[in-house]
Amino acid sequence: MILYFRILKFLAEAYPKEDTYVIRTSNEKLVFIACKIIVLLFK
């Protein structure tokens, strides 16, 4: 769970602050990608 939040924090920091709207609109996609990464890591 901590890793999940680290990934989301990394993705949030990867964008400039003025693009937070883009992050919010594509949040579901980011969560999906993060979950896929976690599933692959713990297989």
PDB file of N, CA and C in Angstrom:
ATOM      1  N   MET A   1       0.828  -1.199   0.000  1.00  0.00           N
ATOM      2  CA  MET A   1       0.000   0.000   0.000  1.00  0.00           C
ATOM      3  C   MET A   1       0.873   1.264   0.000  1.00  0.00           C
ATOM      4  N   ILE A   2       1.971   1.230   0.760  1.00  0.00           N
ATOM      5  CA  ILE A   2       2.894   2.372   0.779  1.00  0.00           C
ATOM      6  C   ILE A   2       3.492   2.577  -0.612  1.00  0.00           C
ATOM      7  N   LEU A   3       3.855   1.478  -1.277  1.00  0.00           N
ATOM      8  CA  LEU A   3       4.414   1.542  -2.627  1.00  0.00           C
ATOM      9  C   LEU A   3       3.423   2.202  -3.590  1.00  0.00           C
ATOM     10  N   TYR A   4       2.147   1.837  -3.443  1.00  0.00           N
ATOM     11  CA  TYR A   4       1.084   2.412  -4.273  1.00  0.00           C
ATOM     12  C   TYR A   4       1.050   3.936  -4.159  1.00  0.00           C
ATOM     13  N   PHE A   5       1.117   4.426  -2.918  1.00  0.00           N
ATOM     14  CA  PHE A   5       1.095   5.878  -2.712  1.00  0.00           C
ATOM     15  C   PHE A   5       2.373   6.530  -3.213  1.00  0.00           C
ATOM     16  N   ARG A   6       3.503   5.826  -3.096  1.00  0.00           N
ATOM     17  CA  ARG A   6       4.770   6.346  -3.626  1.00  0.00           C
ATOM     18  C   ARG A   6       4.685   6.510  -5.135  1.00  0.00           C
ATOM     19  N   ILE A   7       4.071   5.541  -5.810  1.00  0.00           N
ATOM     20  CA  ILE A   7       3.919   5.624  -7.272  1.00  0.00           C
ATOM     21  C   ILE A   7       3.039   6.812  -7.643  1.00  0.00           C
ATOM     22  N   LEU A   8       1.923   6.973  -6.931  1.00  0.00           N
ATOM     23  CA  LEU A   8       1.028   8.096  -7.219  1.00  0.00           C
ATOM     24  C   LEU A   8       1.707   9.429  -6.944  1.00  0.00           C
ATOM     25  N   LYS A   9       2.498   9.485  -5.864  1.00  0.00           N
ATOM     26  CA  LYS A   9       3.217  10.717  -5.539  1.00  0.00           C
ATOM     27  C   LYS A   9       4.253  11.020  -6.624  1.00  0.00           C
ATOM     28  N   PHE A  10       4.942   9.974  -7.085  1.00  0.00           N
ATOM     29  CA  PHE A  10       5.924  10.140  -8.158  1.00  0.00           C
ATOM     30  C   PHE A  10       5.257  10.654  -9.431  1.00  0.00           C
ATOM     31  N   LEU A  11       4.125  10.076  -9.783  1.00  0.00           N
ATOM     32  CA  LEU A  11       3.394  10.509 -10.979  1.00  0.00           C
ATOM     33  C   LEU A  11       2.915  11.949 -10.836  1.00  0.00           C
ATOM     34  N   ALA A  12       2.475  12.315  -9.631  1.00  0.00           N
ATOM     35  CA  ALA A  12       2.015  13.683  -9.395  1.00  0.00           C
ATOM     36  C   ALA A  12       3.172  14.675  -9.512  1.00  0.00           C
ATOM     37  N   GLU A  13       4.343  14.292  -9.006  1.00  0.00           N
ATOM     38  CA  GLU A  13       5.501  15.182  -9.043  1.00  0.00           C
ATOM     39  C   GLU A  13       6.159  15.215 -10.420  1.00  0.00           C
ATOM     40  N   ALA A  14       5.826  14.239 -11.267  1.00  0.00           N
ATOM     41  CA  ALA A  14       6.408  14.197 -12.605  1.00  0.00           C
ATOM     42  C   ALA A  14       5.828  15.294 -13.507  1.00  0.00           C
ATOM     43  N   TYR A  15       4.693  15.867 -13.087  1.00  0.00           N
ATOM     44  CA  TYR A  15       4.047  16.929 -13.863  1.00  0.00           C
ATOM     45  C   TYR A  15       4.238  18.282 -13.181  1.00  0.00           C
ATOM     46  N   PRO A  16       4.337  19.353 -13.961  1.00  0.00           N
ATOM     47  CA  PRO A  16       4.345  20.698 -13.369  1.00  0.00           C
ATOM     48  C   PRO A  16       3.032  20.967 -12.630  1.00  0.00           C
ATOM     49  N   LYS A  17       3.078  21.878 -11.688  1.00  0.00           N
ATOM     50  CA  LYS A  17       1.900  22.155 -10.845  1.00  0.00           C
ATOM     51  C   LYS A  17       0.683  22.642 -11.649  1.00  0.00           C
ATOM     52  N   GLU A  18       0.918  23.359 -12.727  1.00  0.00           N
ATOM     53  CA  GLU A  18      -0.221  23.871 -13.503  1.00  0.00           C
ATOM     54  C   GLU A  18      -0.945  22.764 -14.280  1.00  0.00           C
ATOM     55  N   ASP A  19      -0.342  21.573 -14.331  1.00  0.00           N
ATOM     56  CA  ASP A  19      -0.978  20.445 -15.023  1.00  0.00           C
ATOM     57  C   ASP A  19      -1.717  19.513 -14.062  1.00  0.00           C
ATOM     58  N   THR A  20      -2.005  19.991 -12.846  1.00  0.00           N
ATOM     59  CA  THR A  20      -2.707  19.136 -11.882  1.00  0.00           C
ATOM     60  C   THR A  20      -4.096  18.753 -12.390  1.00  0.00           C
ATOM     61  N   TYR A  21      -4.702  19.617 -13.215  1.00  0.00           N
ATOM     62  CA  TYR A  21      -6.011  19.292 -13.804  1.00  0.00           C
ATOM     63  C   TYR A  21      -5.912  18.037 -14.665  1.00  0.00           C
ATOM     64  N   VAL A  22      -4.815  17.935 -15.416  1.00  0.00           N
ATOM     65  CA  VAL A  22      -4.587  16.766 -16.273  1.00  0.00           C
ATOM     66  C   VAL A  22      -4.457  15.508 -15.413  1.00  0.00           C
ATOM     67  N   ILE A  23      -3.745  15.635 -14.297  1.00  0.00           N
ATOM     68  CA  ILE A  23      -3.580  14.498 -13.386  1.00  0.00           C
ATOM     69  C   ILE A  23      -4.943  14.073 -12.841  1.00  0.00           C
ATOM     70  N   ARG A  24      -5.750  15.047 -12.449  1.00  0.00           N
ATOM     71  CA  ARG A  24      -7.056  14.733 -11.869  1.00  0.00           C
ATOM     72  C   ARG A  24      -7.955  14.033 -12.882  1.00  0.00           C
ATOM     73  N   THR A  25      -7.950  14.496 -14.133  1.00  0.00           N
ATOM     74  CA  THR A  25      -8.830  13.907 -15.138  1.00  0.00           C
ATOM     75  C   THR A  25      -8.368  12.505 -15.536  1.00  0.00           C
ATOM     76  N   SER A  26      -7.054  12.276 -15.500  1.00  0.00           N
ATOM     77  CA  SER A  26      -6.532  10.960 -15.872  1.00  0.00           C
ATOM     78  C   SER A  26      -6.172  10.138 -14.637  1.00  0.00           C
ATOM     79  N   ASN A  27      -6.747  10.509 -13.482  1.00  0.00           N
ATOM     80  CA  ASN A  27      -6.426   9.841 -12.220  1.00  0.00           C
ATOM     81  C   ASN A  27      -6.761   8.358 -12.262  1.00  0.00           C
ATOM     82  N   GLU A  28      -7.917   8.010 -12.844  1.00  0.00           N
ATOM     83  CA  GLU A  28      -8.323   6.610 -12.927  1.00  0.00           C
ATOM     84  C   GLU A  28      -7.318   5.795 -13.734  1.00  0.00           C
ATOM     85  N   LYS A  29      -6.821   6.389 -14.811  1.00  0.00           N
ATOM     86  CA  LYS A  29      -5.834   5.714 -15.647  1.00  0.00           C
ATOM     87  C   LYS A  29      -4.533   5.498 -14.878  1.00  0.00           C
ATOM     88  N   LEU A  30      -4.117   6.517 -14.117  1.00  0.00           N
ATOM     89  CA  LEU A  30      -2.891   6.405 -13.315  1.00  0.00           C
ATOM     90  C   LEU A  30      -3.029   5.331 -12.255  1.00  0.00           C
ATOM     91  N   VAL A  31      -4.189   5.284 -11.607  1.00  0.00           N
ATOM     92  CA  VAL A  31      -4.439   4.259 -10.586  1.00  0.00           C
ATOM     93  C   VAL A  31      -4.393   2.875 -11.220  1.00  0.00           C
ATOM     94  N   PHE A  32      -4.982   2.736 -12.397  1.00  0.00           N
ATOM     95  CA  PHE A  32      -4.981   1.464 -13.120  1.00  0.00           C
ATOM     96  C   PHE A  32      -3.560   1.020 -13.441  1.00  0.00           C
ATOM     97  N   ILE A  33      -2.741   1.951 -13.951  1.00  0.00           N
ATOM     98  CA  ILE A  33      -1.345   1.658 -14.278  1.00  0.00           C
ATOM     99  C   ILE A  33      -0.579   1.280 -13.014  1.00  0.00           C
ATOM    100  N   ALA A  34      -0.781   2.039 -11.933  1.00  0.00           N
ATOM    101  CA  ALA A  34      -0.107   1.753 -10.662  1.00  0.00           C
ATOM    102  C   ALA A  34      -0.479   0.373 -10.150  1.00  0.00           C
ATOM    103  N   CYS A  35      -1.755   0.021 -10.247  1.00  0.00           N
ATOM    104  CA  CYS A  35      -2.204  -1.303  -9.805  1.00  0.00           C
ATOM    105  C   CYS A  35      -1.577  -2.400 -10.653  1.00  0.00           C
ATOM    106  N   LYS A  36      -1.457  -2.184 -11.956  1.00  0.00           N
ATOM    107  CA  LYS A  36      -0.829  -3.165 -12.840  1.00  0.00           C
ATOM    108  C   LYS A  36       0.635  -3.367 -12.467  1.00  0.00           C
ATOM    109  N   ILE A  37       1.340  -2.260 -12.174  1.00  0.00           N
ATOM    110  CA  ILE A  37       2.737  -2.343 -11.763  1.00  0.00           C
ATOM    111  C   ILE A  37       2.863  -3.157 -10.479  1.00  0.00           C
ATOM    112  N   ILE A  38       1.986  -2.878  -9.510  1.00  0.00           N
ATOM    113  CA  ILE A  38       2.017  -3.586  -8.225  1.00  0.00           C
ATOM    114  C   ILE A  38       1.756  -5.074  -8.429  1.00  0.00           C
ATOM    115  N   VAL A  39       0.766  -5.404  -9.266  1.00  0.00           N
ATOM    116  CA  VAL A  39       0.454  -6.808  -9.548  1.00  0.00           C
ATOM    117  C   VAL A  39       1.667  -7.510 -10.153  1.00  0.00           C
ATOM    118  N   LEU A  40       2.348  -6.848 -11.097  1.00  0.00           N
ATOM    119  CA  LEU A  40       3.539  -7.431 -11.725  1.00  0.00           C
ATOM    120  C   LEU A  40       4.669  -7.624 -10.715  1.00  0.00           C
ATOM    121  N   LEU A  41       4.848  -6.652  -9.807  1.00  0.00           N
ATOM    122  CA  LEU A  41       5.920  -6.734  -8.820  1.00  0.00           C
ATOM    123  C   LEU A  41       5.700  -7.857  -7.813  1.00  0.00           C
ATOM    124  N   PHE A  42       4.446  -8.124  -7.473  1.00  0.00           N
ATOM    125  CA  PHE A  42       4.160  -9.113  -6.432  1.00  0.00           C
ATOM    126  C   PHE A  42       3.748 -10.474  -6.987  1.00  0.00           C
ATOM    127  N   LYS A  43       3.894 -10.674  -8.293  1.00  0.00           N
ATOM    128  CA  LYS A  43       3.582 -11.981  -8.885  1.00  0.00           C
ATOM    129  C   LYS A  43       4.625 -13.008  -8.502  1.00  0.00           C
TER     130      LYS A  43
END
